[in-house]
Amino acid sequence: MAPSLTVDLQVLKFVCLLFIHQSPNQTVWCDAAETFLDGMGYKLTSKNTLRHCFSNAFHWYKVLIVLAQEHISTLIADAQKDSAEQPTEYLHLRCPLCFGGNDWQNGTRASPSMCIHLDP
């Protein structure tokens, strides 16, 4: 509702990549960032303020990444399920016998023993 710290998504992505290649240590990273900011003239009001706020932002960023990946996986699975159940209009036009439904099996026509398609 009222964020105490704003962190760029690219910084959070960088920290994720950094923690893949070294031991994750948010305290050391935040201490280094505080020292860097202090050298530029930005002084935080209390000790561990950055660590506490950054840890919270980093946690929710990772939650957001997991939820986004799960949502995308669900969308892909649903799309694959839908496409497996019903052929596209493109396929209907290319081979109505294969992708046009089961009309040839209704008993009015003999079942095909061979299907040949020549690409134009």
PDB file of N, CA and C in Angstrom:
ATOM      1  N   MET A   1       0.814  -1.189   0.000  1.00  0.00           N
ATOM      2  CA  MET A   1       0.000   0.000   0.000  1.00  0.00           C
ATOM      3  C   MET A   1       0.861   1.258   0.000  1.00  0.00           C
ATOM      4  N   ALA A   2       1.844   1.267   0.859  1.00  0.00           N
ATOM      5  CA  ALA A   2       2.736   2.425   0.941  1.00  0.00           C
ATOM      6  C   ALA A   2       4.173   1.915   0.949  1.00  0.00           C
ATOM      7  N   PRO A   3       4.751   1.715  -0.234  1.00  0.00           N
ATOM      8  CA  PRO A   3       6.101   1.132  -0.275  1.00  0.00           C
ATOM      9  C   PRO A   3       7.143   2.046   0.369  1.00  0.00           C
ATOM     10  N   SER A   4       8.064   1.431   1.070  1.00  0.00           N
ATOM     11  CA  SER A   4       9.141   2.196   1.703  1.00  0.00           C
ATOM     12  C   SER A   4      10.395   2.207   0.844  1.00  0.00           C
ATOM     13  N   LEU A   5      10.407   1.377  -0.193  1.00  0.00           N
ATOM     14  CA  LEU A   5      11.564   1.301  -1.080  1.00  0.00           C
ATOM     15  C   LEU A   5      11.092   0.930  -2.476  1.00  0.00           C
ATOM     16  N   THR A   6      11.624   1.596  -3.464  1.00  0.00           N
ATOM     17  CA  THR A   6      11.349   1.256  -4.850  1.00  0.00           C
ATOM     18  C   THR A   6      12.622   0.665  -5.441  1.00  0.00           C
ATOM     19  N   VAL A   7      12.485  -0.516  -6.029  1.00  0.00           N
ATOM     20  CA  VAL A   7      13.645  -1.191  -6.614  1.00  0.00           C
ATOM     21  C   VAL A   7      13.328  -1.485  -8.073  1.00  0.00           C
ATOM     22  N   ASP A   8      14.227  -1.102  -8.950  1.00  0.00           N
ATOM     23  CA  ASP A   8      14.061  -1.360 -10.376  1.00  0.00           C
ATOM     24  C   ASP A   8      14.057  -2.866 -10.619  1.00  0.00           C
ATOM     25  N   LEU A   9      13.171  -3.324 -11.507  1.00  0.00           N
ATOM     26  CA  LEU A   9      13.086  -4.751 -11.810  1.00  0.00           C
ATOM     27  C   LEU A   9      14.400  -5.291 -12.370  1.00  0.00           C
ATOM     28  N   GLN A  10      15.125  -4.480 -13.108  1.00  0.00           N
ATOM     29  CA  GLN A  10      16.411  -4.931 -13.650  1.00  0.00           C
ATOM     30  C   GLN A  10      17.430  -5.173 -12.532  1.00  0.00           C
ATOM     31  N   VAL A  11      17.368  -4.375 -11.461  1.00  0.00           N
ATOM     32  CA  VAL A  11      18.261  -4.597 -10.315  1.00  0.00           C
ATOM     33  C   VAL A  11      17.900  -5.909  -9.634  1.00  0.00           C
ATOM     34  N   LEU A  12      16.613  -6.167  -9.481  1.00  0.00           N
ATOM     35  CA  LEU A  12      16.192  -7.433  -8.873  1.00  0.00           C
ATOM     36  C   LEU A  12      16.603  -8.619  -9.742  1.00  0.00           C
ATOM     37  N   LYS A  13      16.478  -8.462 -11.056  1.00  0.00           N
ATOM     38  CA  LYS A  13      16.915  -9.522 -11.968  1.00  0.00           C
ATOM     39  C   LYS A  13      18.422  -9.736 -11.846  1.00  0.00           C
ATOM     40  N   PHE A  14      19.171  -8.638 -11.756  1.00  0.00           N
ATOM     41  CA  PHE A  14      20.625  -8.729 -11.591  1.00  0.00           C
ATOM     42  C   PHE A  14      20.986  -9.466 -10.304  1.00  0.00           C
ATOM     43  N   VAL A  15      20.305  -9.139  -9.207  1.00  0.00           N
ATOM     44  CA  VAL A  15      20.597  -9.794  -7.931  1.00  0.00           C
ATOM     45  C   VAL A  15      20.265 -11.282  -8.007  1.00  0.00           C
ATOM     46  N   CYS A  16      19.174 -11.636  -8.687  1.00  0.00           N
ATOM     47  CA  CYS A  16      18.851 -13.063  -8.865  1.00  0.00           C
ATOM     48  C   CYS A  16      19.983 -13.784  -9.591  1.00  0.00           C
ATOM     49  N   LEU A  17      20.462 -13.176 -10.683  1.00  0.00           N
ATOM     50  CA  LEU A  17      21.569 -13.784 -11.431  1.00  0.00           C
ATOM     51  C   LEU A  17      22.841 -13.836 -10.601  1.00  0.00           C
ATOM     52  N   LEU A  18      23.086 -12.790  -9.829  1.00  0.00           N
ATOM     53  CA  LEU A  18      24.262 -12.754  -8.966  1.00  0.00           C
ATOM     54  C   LEU A  18      24.215 -13.878  -7.944  1.00  0.00           C
ATOM     55  N   PHE A  19      23.035 -14.108  -7.362  1.00  0.00           N
ATOM     56  CA  PHE A  19      22.899 -15.138  -6.344  1.00  0.00           C
ATOM     57  C   PHE A  19      22.933 -16.545  -6.925  1.00  0.00           C
ATOM     58  N   ILE A  20      22.772 -16.680  -8.222  1.00  0.00           N
ATOM     59  CA  ILE A  20      22.961 -17.976  -8.867  1.00  0.00           C
ATOM     60  C   ILE A  20      24.444 -18.324  -8.916  1.00  0.00           C
ATOM     61  N   HIS A  21      25.288 -17.292  -9.094  1.00  0.00           N
ATOM     62  CA  HIS A  21      26.721 -17.512  -9.284  1.00  0.00           C
ATOM     63  C   HIS A  21      27.544 -17.342  -8.012  1.00  0.00           C
ATOM     64  N   GLN A  22      26.924 -16.915  -6.945  1.00  0.00           N
ATOM     65  CA  GLN A  22      27.626 -16.816  -5.664  1.00  0.00           C
ATOM     66  C   GLN A  22      26.641 -17.132  -4.558  1.00  0.00           C
ATOM     67  N   SER A  23      27.133 -17.294  -3.364  1.00  0.00           N
ATOM     68  CA  SER A  23      26.248 -17.582  -2.235  1.00  0.00           C
ATOM     69  C   SER A  23      25.300 -16.413  -2.021  1.00  0.00           C
ATOM     70  N   PRO A  24      23.999 -16.695  -1.911  1.00  0.00           N
ATOM     71  CA  PRO A  24      23.058 -15.598  -1.692  1.00  0.00           C
ATOM     72  C   PRO A  24      23.265 -14.981  -0.310  1.00  0.00           C
ATOM     73  N   ASN A  25      23.592 -13.710  -0.294  1.00  0.00           N
ATOM     74  CA  ASN A  25      23.807 -13.016   0.962  1.00  0.00           C
ATOM     75  C   ASN A  25      23.289 -11.593   0.805  1.00  0.00           C
ATOM     76  N   GLN A  26      22.032 -11.399   1.145  1.00  0.00           N
ATOM     77  CA  GLN A  26      21.415 -10.087   0.977  1.00  0.00           C
ATOM     78  C   GLN A  26      22.010  -9.052   1.923  1.00  0.00           C
ATOM     79  N   THR A  27      22.446  -9.478   3.097  1.00  0.00           N
ATOM     80  CA  THR A  27      23.024  -8.540   4.058  1.00  0.00           C
ATOM     81  C   THR A  27      24.287  -7.908   3.487  1.00  0.00           C
ATOM     82  N   VAL A  28      25.177  -8.716   2.933  1.00  0.00           N
ATOM     83  CA  VAL A  28      26.424  -8.192   2.354  1.00  0.00           C
ATOM     84  C   VAL A  28      26.115  -7.311   1.148  1.00  0.00           C
ATOM     85  N   TRP A  29      25.181  -7.751   0.302  1.00  0.00           N
ATOM     86  CA  TRP A  29      24.832  -6.963  -0.887  1.00  0.00           C
ATOM     87  C   TRP A  29      24.270  -5.609  -0.469  1.00  0.00           C
ATOM     88  N   CYS A  30      23.381  -5.589   0.520  1.00  0.00           N
ATOM     89  CA  CYS A  30      22.783  -4.335   0.980  1.00  0.00           C
ATOM     90  C   CYS A  30      23.809  -3.445   1.674  1.00  0.00           C
ATOM     91  N   ASP A  31      24.743  -4.042   2.442  1.00  0.00           N
ATOM     92  CA  ASP A  31      25.816  -3.252   3.061  1.00  0.00           C
ATOM     93  C   ASP A  31      26.677  -2.583   1.988  1.00  0.00           C
ATOM     94  N   ALA A  32      26.988  -3.325   0.932  1.00  0.00           N
ATOM     95  CA  ALA A  32      27.780  -2.747  -0.168  1.00  0.00           C
ATOM     96  C   ALA A  32      27.000  -1.629  -0.859  1.00  0.00           C
ATOM     97  N   ALA A  33      25.705  -1.839  -1.077  1.00  0.00           N
ATOM     98  CA  ALA A  33      24.891  -0.800  -1.710  1.00  0.00           C
ATOM     99  C   ALA A  33      24.797   0.440  -0.816  1.00  0.00           C
ATOM    100  N   GLU A  34      24.633   0.239   0.496  1.00  0.00           N
ATOM    101  CA  GLU A  34      24.589   1.377   1.433  1.00  0.00           C
ATOM    102  C   GLU A  34      25.902   2.146   1.418  1.00  0.00           C
ATOM    103  N   THR A  35      27.020   1.442   1.409  1.00  0.00           N
ATOM    104  CA  THR A  35      28.327   2.100   1.372  1.00  0.00           C
ATOM    105  C   THR A  35      28.490   2.876   0.069  1.00  0.00           C
ATOM    106  N   PHE A  36      28.076   2.273  -1.036  1.00  0.00           N
ATOM    107  CA  PHE A  36      28.133   2.937  -2.337  1.00  0.00           C
ATOM    108  C   PHE A  36      27.275   4.197  -2.338  1.00  0.00           C
ATOM    109  N   LEU A  37      26.041   4.085  -1.845  1.00  0.00           N
ATOM    110  CA  LEU A  37      25.143   5.242  -1.805  1.00  0.00           C
ATOM    111  C   LEU A  37      25.659   6.323  -0.864  1.00  0.00           C
ATOM    112  N   ASP A  38      26.249   5.915   0.264  1.00  0.00           N
ATOM    113  CA  ASP A  38      26.828   6.874   1.204  1.00  0.00           C
ATOM    114  C   ASP A  38      27.955   7.661   0.540  1.00  0.00           C
ATOM    115  N   GLY A  39      28.768   6.990  -0.271  1.00  0.00           N
ATOM    116  CA  GLY A  39      29.849   7.666  -0.991  1.00  0.00           C
ATOM    117  C   GLY A  39      29.331   8.668  -2.019  1.00  0.00           C
ATOM    118  N   MET A  40      28.105   8.470  -2.469  1.00  0.00           N
ATOM    119  CA  MET A  40      27.496   9.404  -3.422  1.00  0.00           C
ATOM    120  C   MET A  40      26.695  10.502  -2.716  1.00  0.00           C
ATOM    121  N   GLY A  41      26.688  10.488  -1.379  1.00  0.00           N
ATOM    122  CA  GLY A  41      25.999  11.527  -0.625  1.00  0.00           C
ATOM    123  C   GLY A  41      24.594  11.172  -0.183  1.00  0.00           C
ATOM    124  N   TYR A  42      24.183   9.925  -0.374  1.00  0.00           N
ATOM    125  CA  TYR A  42      22.854   9.479   0.055  1.00  0.00           C
ATOM    126  C   TYR A  42      23.019   8.661   1.327  1.00  0.00           C
ATOM    127  N   LYS A  43      22.522   9.184   2.430  1.00  0.00           N
ATOM    128  CA  LYS A  43      22.654   8.489   3.710  1.00  0.00           C
ATOM    129  C   LYS A  43      21.288   7.997   4.154  1.00  0.00           C
ATOM    130  N   LEU A  44      21.183   6.706   4.450  1.00  0.00           N
ATOM    131  CA  LEU A  44      19.933   6.153   4.952  1.00  0.00           C
ATOM    132  C   LEU A  44      19.794   6.487   6.426  1.00  0.00           C
ATOM    133  N   THR A  45      18.551   6.635   6.861  1.00  0.00           N
ATOM    134  CA  THR A  45      18.301   7.133   8.218  1.00  0.00           C
ATOM    135  C   THR A  45      18.663   6.146   9.323  1.00  0.00           C
ATOM    136  N   SER A  46      18.502   4.856   9.085  1.00  0.00           N
ATOM    137  CA  SER A  46      18.828   3.891  10.135  1.00  0.00           C
ATOM    138  C   SER A  46      19.521   2.669   9.548  1.00  0.00           C
ATOM    139  N   LYS A  47      20.246   1.979  10.396  1.00  0.00           N
ATOM    140  CA  LYS A  47      20.978   0.794   9.963  1.00  0.00           C
ATOM    141  C   LYS A  47      19.991  -0.327   9.627  1.00  0.00           C
ATOM    142  N   ASN A  48      20.301  -1.097   8.629  1.00  0.00           N
ATOM    143  CA  ASN A  48      19.508  -2.244   8.164  1.00  0.00           C
ATOM    144  C   ASN A  48      18.189  -1.856   7.503  1.00  0.00           C
ATOM    145  N   THR A  49      17.960  -0.579   7.282  1.00  0.00           N
ATOM    146  CA  THR A  49      16.735  -0.169   6.597  1.00  0.00           C
ATOM    147  C   THR A  49      16.720  -0.747   5.186  1.00  0.00           C
ATOM    148  N   LEU A  50      17.821  -0.591   4.467  1.00  0.00           N
ATOM    149  CA  LEU A  50      17.908  -1.089   3.103  1.00  0.00           C
ATOM    150  C   LEU A  50      17.787  -2.609   3.076  1.00  0.00           C
ATOM    151  N   ARG A  51      18.473  -3.281   4.007  1.00  0.00           N
ATOM    152  CA  ARG A  51      18.429  -4.737   4.032  1.00  0.00           C
ATOM    153  C   ARG A  51      17.012  -5.240   4.243  1.00  0.00           C
ATOM    154  N   HIS A  52      16.306  -4.665   5.186  1.00  0.00           N
ATOM    155  CA  HIS A  52      14.937  -5.100   5.477  1.00  0.00           C
ATOM    156  C   HIS A  52      14.008  -4.835   4.286  1.00  0.00           C
ATOM    157  N   CYS A  53      14.049  -3.631   3.759  1.00  0.00           N
ATOM    158  CA  CYS A  53      13.163  -3.274   2.644  1.00  0.00           C
ATOM    159  C   CYS A  53      13.531  -4.033   1.373  1.00  0.00           C
ATOM    160  N   PHE A  54      14.834  -4.164   1.107  1.00  0.00           N
ATOM    161  CA  PHE A  54      15.264  -4.869  -0.092  1.00  0.00           C
ATOM    162  C   PHE A  54      14.914  -6.352   0.001  1.00  0.00           C
ATOM    163  N   SER A  55      15.086  -6.950   1.162  1.00  0.00           N
ATOM    164  CA  SER A  55      14.741  -8.364   1.335  1.00  0.00           C
ATOM    165  C   SER A  55      13.270  -8.596   1.041  1.00  0.00           C
ATOM    166  N   ASN A  56      12.424  -7.683   1.481  1.00  0.00           N
ATOM    167  CA  ASN A  56      10.994  -7.792   1.223  1.00  0.00           C
ATOM    168  C   ASN A  56      10.704  -7.662  -0.276  1.00  0.00           C
ATOM    169  N   ALA A  57      11.312  -6.666  -0.917  1.00  0.00           N
ATOM    170  CA  ALA A  57      11.113  -6.471  -2.363  1.00  0.00           C
ATOM    171  C   ALA A  57      11.631  -7.675  -3.150  1.00  0.00           C
ATOM    172  N   PHE A  58      12.779  -8.192  -2.758  1.00  0.00           N
ATOM    173  CA  PHE A  58      13.380  -9.338  -3.450  1.00  0.00           C
ATOM    174  C   PHE A  58      12.506 -10.582  -3.292  1.00  0.00           C
ATOM    175  N   HIS A  59      11.970 -10.793  -2.109  1.00  0.00           N
ATOM    176  CA  HIS A  59      11.083 -11.931  -1.865  1.00  0.00           C
ATOM    177  C   HIS A  59       9.867 -11.865  -2.793  1.00  0.00           C
ATOM    178  N   TRP A  60       9.201 -10.723  -2.840  1.00  0.00           N
ATOM    179  CA  TRP A  60       7.997 -10.608  -3.659  1.00  0.00           C
ATOM    180  C   TRP A  60       8.296 -10.644  -5.145  1.00  0.00           C
ATOM    181  N   TYR A  61       9.488 -10.209  -5.534  1.00  0.00           N
ATOM    182  CA  TYR A  61       9.909 -10.335  -6.934  1.00  0.00           C
ATOM    183  C   TYR A  61      10.010 -11.805  -7.311  1.00  0.00           C
ATOM    184  N   LYS A  62      10.635 -12.603  -6.444  1.00  0.00           N
ATOM    185  CA  LYS A  62      10.776 -14.035  -6.731  1.00  0.00           C
ATOM    186  C   LYS A  62       9.414 -14.725  -6.742  1.00  0.00           C
ATOM    187  N   VAL A  63       8.514 -14.325  -5.861  1.00  0.00           N
ATOM    188  CA  VAL A  63       7.149 -14.872  -5.868  1.00  0.00           C
ATOM    189  C   VAL A  63       6.476 -14.522  -7.190  1.00  0.00           C
ATOM    190  N   LEU A  64       6.620 -13.276  -7.633  1.00  0.00           N
ATOM    191  CA  LEU A  64       6.037 -12.832  -8.893  1.00  0.00           C
ATOM    192  C   LEU A  64       6.572 -13.646 -10.068  1.00  0.00           C
ATOM    193  N   ILE A  65       7.862 -13.933 -10.085  1.00  0.00           N
ATOM    194  CA  ILE A  65       8.474 -14.720 -11.153  1.00  0.00           C
ATOM    195  C   ILE A  65       7.881 -16.130 -11.175  1.00  0.00           C
ATOM    196  N   VAL A  66       7.755 -16.754 -10.014  1.00  0.00           N
ATOM    197  CA  VAL A  66       7.198 -18.110  -9.937  1.00  0.00           C
ATOM    198  C   VAL A  66       5.749 -18.116 -10.408  1.00  0.00           C
ATOM    199  N   LEU A  67       4.958 -17.152  -9.944  1.00  0.00           N
ATOM    200  CA  LEU A  67       3.551 -17.088 -10.355  1.00  0.00           C
ATOM    201  C   LEU A  67       3.402 -16.833 -11.850  1.00  0.00           C
ATOM    202  N   ALA A  68       4.265 -15.979 -12.398  1.00  0.00           N
ATOM    203  CA  ALA A  68       4.222 -15.701 -13.839  1.00  0.00           C
ATOM    204  C   ALA A  68       4.572 -16.962 -14.638  1.00  0.00           C
ATOM    205  N   GLN A  69       5.582 -17.701 -14.201  1.00  0.00           N
ATOM    206  CA  GLN A  69       5.956 -18.930 -14.894  1.00  0.00           C
ATOM    207  C   GLN A  69       4.837 -19.969 -14.819  1.00  0.00           C
ATOM    208  N   GLU A  70       4.193 -20.082 -13.662  1.00  0.00           N
ATOM    209  CA  GLU A  70       3.076 -21.022 -13.529  1.00  0.00           C
ATOM    210  C   GLU A  70       1.916 -20.618 -14.431  1.00  0.00           C
ATOM    211  N   HIS A  71       1.635 -19.313 -14.503  1.00  0.00           N
ATOM    212  CA  HIS A  71       0.544 -18.828 -15.351  1.00  0.00           C
ATOM    213  C   HIS A  71       0.834 -19.119 -16.821  1.00  0.00           C
ATOM    214  N   ILE A  72       2.055 -18.870 -17.247  1.00  0.00           N
ATOM    215  CA  ILE A  72       2.441 -19.133 -18.635  1.00  0.00           C
ATOM    216  C   ILE A  72       2.367 -20.623 -18.931  1.00  0.00           C
ATOM    217  N   SER A  73       2.817 -21.449 -18.001  1.00  0.00           N
ATOM    218  CA  SER A  73       2.740 -22.899 -18.191  1.00  0.00           C
ATOM    219  C   SER A  73       1.290 -23.362 -18.316  1.00  0.00           C
ATOM    220  N   THR A  74       0.410 -22.779 -17.511  1.00  0.00           N
ATOM    221  CA  THR A  74      -1.008 -23.115 -17.588  1.00  0.00           C
ATOM    222  C   THR A  74      -1.590 -22.706 -18.935  1.00  0.00           C
ATOM    223  N   LEU A  75      -1.251 -21.511 -19.406  1.00  0.00           N
ATOM    224  CA  LEU A  75      -1.736 -21.054 -20.708  1.00  0.00           C
ATOM    225  C   LEU A  75      -1.258 -21.966 -21.830  1.00  0.00           C
ATOM    226  N   ILE A  76      -0.002 -22.374 -21.761  1.00  0.00           N
ATOM    227  CA  ILE A  76       0.549 -23.263 -22.790  1.00  0.00           C
ATOM    228  C   ILE A  76      -0.136 -24.619 -22.738  1.00  0.00           C
ATOM    229  N   ALA A  77      -0.317 -25.157 -21.538  1.00  0.00           N
ATOM    230  CA  ALA A  77      -0.984 -26.464 -21.405  1.00  0.00           C
ATOM    231  C   ALA A  77      -2.419 -26.392 -21.918  1.00  0.00           C
ATOM    232  N   ASP A  78      -3.126 -25.313 -21.598  1.00  0.00           N
ATOM    233  CA  ASP A  78      -4.503 -25.154 -22.083  1.00  0.00           C
ATOM    234  C   ASP A  78      -4.539 -25.035 -23.603  1.00  0.00           C
ATOM    235  N   ALA A  79      -3.591 -24.293 -24.161  1.00  0.00           N
ATOM    236  CA  ALA A  79      -3.541 -24.136 -25.621  1.00  0.00           C
ATOM    237  C   ALA A  79      -3.237 -25.469 -26.296  1.00  0.00           C
ATOM    238  N   GLN A  80      -2.334 -26.243 -25.711  1.00  0.00           N
ATOM    239  CA  GLN A  80      -2.010 -27.545 -26.287  1.00  0.00           C
ATOM    240  C   GLN A  80      -3.200 -28.487 -26.174  1.00  0.00           C
ATOM    241  N   LYS A  81      -3.922 -28.427 -25.056  1.00  0.00           N
ATOM    242  CA  LYS A  81      -5.088 -29.285 -24.874  1.00  0.00           C
ATOM    243  C   LYS A  81      -6.178 -28.903 -25.879  1.00  0.00           C
ATOM    244  N   ASP A  82      -6.406 -27.596 -26.046  1.00  0.00           N
ATOM    245  CA  ASP A  82      -7.423 -27.136 -26.991  1.00  0.00           C
ATOM    246  C   ASP A  82      -7.059 -27.501 -28.421  1.00  0.00           C
ATOM    247  N   SER A  83      -5.786 -27.354 -28.770  1.00  0.00           N
ATOM    248  CA  SER A  83      -5.385 -27.662 -30.141  1.00  0.00           C
ATOM    249  C   SER A  83      -5.415 -29.163 -30.396  1.00  0.00           C
ATOM    250  N   ALA A  84      -5.236 -29.964 -29.353  1.00  0.00           N
ATOM    251  CA  ALA A  84      -5.298 -31.415 -29.530  1.00  0.00           C
ATOM    252  C   ALA A  84      -6.739 -31.870 -29.722  1.00  0.00           C
ATOM    253  N   GLU A  85      -7.679 -31.149 -29.161  1.00  0.00           N
ATOM    254  CA  GLU A  85      -9.074 -31.544 -29.261  1.00  0.00           C
ATOM    255  C   GLU A  85      -9.721 -31.106 -30.556  1.00  0.00           C
ATOM    256  N   GLN A  86      -9.280 -29.997 -31.119  1.00  0.00           N
ATOM    257  CA  GLN A  86      -9.956 -29.459 -32.288  1.00  0.00           C
ATOM    258  C   GLN A  86      -8.926 -28.926 -33.284  1.00  0.00           C
ATOM    259  N   PRO A  87      -8.931 -29.440 -34.508  1.00  0.00           N
ATOM    260  CA  PRO A  87      -7.982 -28.946 -35.510  1.00  0.00           C
ATOM    261  C   PRO A  87      -8.290 -27.502 -35.895  1.00  0.00           C
ATOM    262  N   THR A  88      -7.284 -26.815 -36.370  1.00  0.00           N
ATOM    263  CA  THR A  88      -7.455 -25.428 -36.794  1.00  0.00           C
ATOM    264  C   THR A  88      -8.156 -25.364 -38.144  1.00  0.00           C
ATOM    265  N   GLU A  89      -8.635 -24.186 -38.482  1.00  0.00           N
ATOM    266  CA  GLU A  89      -9.285 -23.974 -39.774  1.00  0.00           C
ATOM    267  C   GLU A  89      -8.296 -24.240 -40.914  1.00  0.00           C
ATOM    268  N   TYR A  90      -7.045 -23.924 -40.697  1.00  0.00           N
ATOM    269  CA  TYR A  90      -6.007 -24.188 -41.699  1.00  0.00           C
ATOM    270  C   TYR A  90      -5.964 -25.679 -42.034  1.00  0.00           C
ATOM    271  N   LEU A  91      -5.983 -26.528 -41.013  1.00  0.00           N
ATOM    272  CA  LEU A  91      -5.953 -27.970 -41.249  1.00  0.00           C
ATOM    273  C   LEU A  91      -7.248 -28.461 -41.887  1.00  0.00           C
ATOM    274  N   HIS A  92      -8.387 -27.896 -41.494  1.00  0.00           N
ATOM    275  CA  HIS A  92      -9.669 -28.243 -42.122  1.00  0.00           C
ATOM    276  C   HIS A  92      -9.596 -28.025 -43.630  1.00  0.00           C
ATOM    277  N   LEU A  93      -9.024 -26.901 -44.038  1.00  0.00           N
ATOM    278  CA  LEU A  93      -8.953 -26.575 -45.465  1.00  0.00           C
ATOM    279  C   LEU A  93      -7.956 -27.459 -46.202  1.00  0.00           C
ATOM    280  N   ARG A  94      -6.906 -27.896 -45.526  1.00  0.00           N
ATOM    281  CA  ARG A  94      -5.872 -28.695 -46.185  1.00  0.00           C
ATOM    282  C   ARG A  94      -6.317 -30.136 -46.410  1.00  0.00           C
ATOM    283  N   CYS A  95      -6.995 -30.726 -45.444  1.00  0.00           N
ATOM    284  CA  CYS A  95      -7.436 -32.115 -45.590  1.00  0.00           C
ATOM    285  C   CYS A  95      -8.740 -32.314 -44.833  1.00  0.00           C
ATOM    286  N   PRO A  96      -9.872 -32.095 -45.514  1.00  0.00           N
ATOM    287  CA  PRO A  96     -11.154 -32.237 -44.836  1.00  0.00           C
ATOM    288  C   PRO A  96     -11.418 -33.666 -44.361  1.00  0.00           C
ATOM    289  N   LEU A  97     -10.828 -34.640 -45.008  1.00  0.00           N
ATOM    290  CA  LEU A  97     -11.032 -36.022 -44.586  1.00  0.00           C
ATOM    291  C   LEU A  97     -10.362 -36.274 -43.228  1.00  0.00           C
ATOM    292  N   CYS A  98      -9.114 -35.797 -43.092  1.00  0.00           N
ATOM    293  CA  CYS A  98      -8.381 -36.015 -41.840  1.00  0.00           C
ATOM    294  C   CYS A  98      -8.844 -35.086 -40.729  1.00  0.00           C
ATOM    295  N   PHE A  99      -9.095 -33.808 -41.062  1.00  0.00           N
ATOM    296  CA  PHE A  99      -9.349 -32.805 -40.033  1.00  0.00           C
ATOM    297  C   PHE A  99     -10.740 -32.204 -40.105  1.00  0.00           C
ATOM    298  N   GLY A 100     -11.615 -32.784 -40.907  1.00  0.00           N
ATOM    299  CA  GLY A 100     -12.950 -32.238 -41.063  1.00  0.00           C
ATOM    300  C   GLY A 100     -13.988 -32.919 -40.206  1.00  0.00           C
ATOM    301  N   GLY A 101     -13.593 -33.725 -39.296  1.00  0.00           N
ATOM    302  CA  GLY A 101     -14.548 -34.425 -38.452  1.00  0.00           C
ATOM    303  C   GLY A 101     -14.629 -35.888 -38.837  1.00  0.00           C
ATOM    304  N   ASN A 102     -15.678 -36.549 -38.437  1.00  0.00           N
ATOM    305  CA  ASN A 102     -15.826 -37.981 -38.665  1.00  0.00           C
ATOM    306  C   ASN A 102     -16.894 -38.291 -39.704  1.00  0.00           C
ATOM    307  N   ASP A 103     -17.127 -37.391 -40.662  1.00  0.00           N
ATOM    308  CA  ASP A 103     -18.185 -37.591 -41.667  1.00  0.00           C
ATOM    309  C   ASP A 103     -17.985 -38.867 -42.471  1.00  0.00           C
ATOM    310  N   TRP A 104     -16.760 -39.228 -42.774  1.00  0.00           N
ATOM    311  CA  TRP A 104     -16.513 -40.412 -43.597  1.00  0.00           C
ATOM    312  C   TRP A 104     -16.816 -41.696 -42.842  1.00  0.00           C
ATOM    313  N   GLN A 105     -16.966 -41.602 -41.508  1.00  0.00           N
ATOM    314  CA  GLN A 105     -17.235 -42.806 -40.722  1.00  0.00           C
ATOM    315  C   GLN A 105     -18.721 -43.009 -40.445  1.00  0.00           C
ATOM    316  N   ASN A 106     -19.615 -42.170 -40.998  1.00  0.00           N
ATOM    317  CA  ASN A 106     -21.028 -42.267 -40.639  1.00  0.00           C
ATOM    318  C   ASN A 106     -21.767 -43.381 -41.369  1.00  0.00           C
ATOM    319  N   GLY A 107     -21.078 -44.138 -42.173  1.00  0.00           N
ATOM    320  CA  GLY A 107     -21.695 -45.286 -42.819  1.00  0.00           C
ATOM    321  C   GLY A 107     -22.197 -45.010 -44.220  1.00  0.00           C
ATOM    322  N   THR A 108     -22.287 -43.755 -44.628  1.00  0.00           N
ATOM    323  CA  THR A 108     -22.776 -43.455 -45.971  1.00  0.00           C
ATOM    324  C   THR A 108     -21.686 -43.626 -47.009  1.00  0.00           C
ATOM    325  N   ARG A 109     -20.429 -43.495 -46.581  1.00  0.00           N
ATOM    326  CA  ARG A 109     -19.304 -43.695 -47.492  1.00  0.00           C
ATOM    327  C   ARG A 109     -18.447 -44.840 -46.971  1.00  0.00           C
ATOM    328  N   ALA A 110     -17.757 -45.482 -47.874  1.00  0.00           N
ATOM    329  CA  ALA A 110     -16.843 -46.550 -47.457  1.00  0.00           C
ATOM    330  C   ALA A 110     -15.637 -45.926 -46.762  1.00  0.00           C
ATOM    331  N   SER A 111     -15.101 -46.632 -45.807  1.00  0.00           N
ATOM    332  CA  SER A 111     -13.930 -46.167 -45.093  1.00  0.00           C
ATOM    333  C   SER A 111     -12.733 -46.141 -46.032  1.00  0.00           C
ATOM    334  N   PRO A 112     -11.977 -45.071 -46.056  1.00  0.00           N
ATOM    335  CA  PRO A 112     -10.842 -45.001 -46.973  1.00  0.00           C
ATOM    336  C   PRO A 112      -9.743 -45.974 -46.569  1.00  0.00           C
ATOM    337  N   SER A 113      -9.134 -46.589 -47.549  1.00  0.00           N
ATOM    338  CA  SER A 113      -8.012 -47.474 -47.262  1.00  0.00           C
ATOM    339  C   SER A 113      -6.697 -46.744 -47.480  1.00  0.00           C
ATOM    340  N   MET A 114      -6.743 -45.596 -48.156  1.00  0.00           N
ATOM    341  CA  MET A 114      -5.539 -44.851 -48.420  1.00  0.00           C
ATOM    342  C   MET A 114      -5.924 -43.377 -48.595  1.00  0.00           C
ATOM    343  N   CYS A 115      -5.072 -42.511 -48.116  1.00  0.00           N
ATOM    344  CA  CYS A 115      -5.298 -41.074 -48.257  1.00  0.00           C
ATOM    345  C   CYS A 115      -4.022 -40.471 -48.820  1.00  0.00           C
ATOM    346  N   ILE A 116      -4.106 -39.831 -49.962  1.00  0.00           N
ATOM    347  CA  ILE A 116      -2.929 -39.232 -50.603  1.00  0.00           C
ATOM    348  C   ILE A 116      -3.171 -37.739 -50.727  1.00  0.00           C
ATOM    349  N   HIS A 117      -2.176 -36.961 -50.328  1.00  0.00           N
ATOM    350  CA  HIS A 117      -2.273 -35.509 -50.449  1.00  0.00           C
ATOM    351  C   HIS A 117      -1.041 -35.014 -51.180  1.00  0.00           C
ATOM    352  N   LEU A 118      -1.243 -34.272 -52.216  1.00  0.00           N
ATOM    353  CA  LEU A 118      -0.138 -33.697 -52.978  1.00  0.00           C
ATOM    354  C   LEU A 118      -0.098 -32.204 -52.717  1.00  0.00           C
ATOM    355  N   ASP A 119       1.045 -31.711 -52.267  1.00  0.00           N
ATOM    356  CA  ASP A 119       1.196 -30.279 -52.046  1.00  0.00           C
ATOM    357  C   ASP A 119       1.300 -29.567 -53.392  1.00  0.00           C
ATOM    358  N   PRO A 120       0.572 -28.454 -53.572  1.00  0.00           N
ATOM    359  CA  PRO A 120       0.664 -27.719 -54.857  1.00  0.00           C
ATOM    360  C   PRO A 120       2.003 -27.029 -55.000  1.00  0.00           C
TER     361      PRO A 120
END
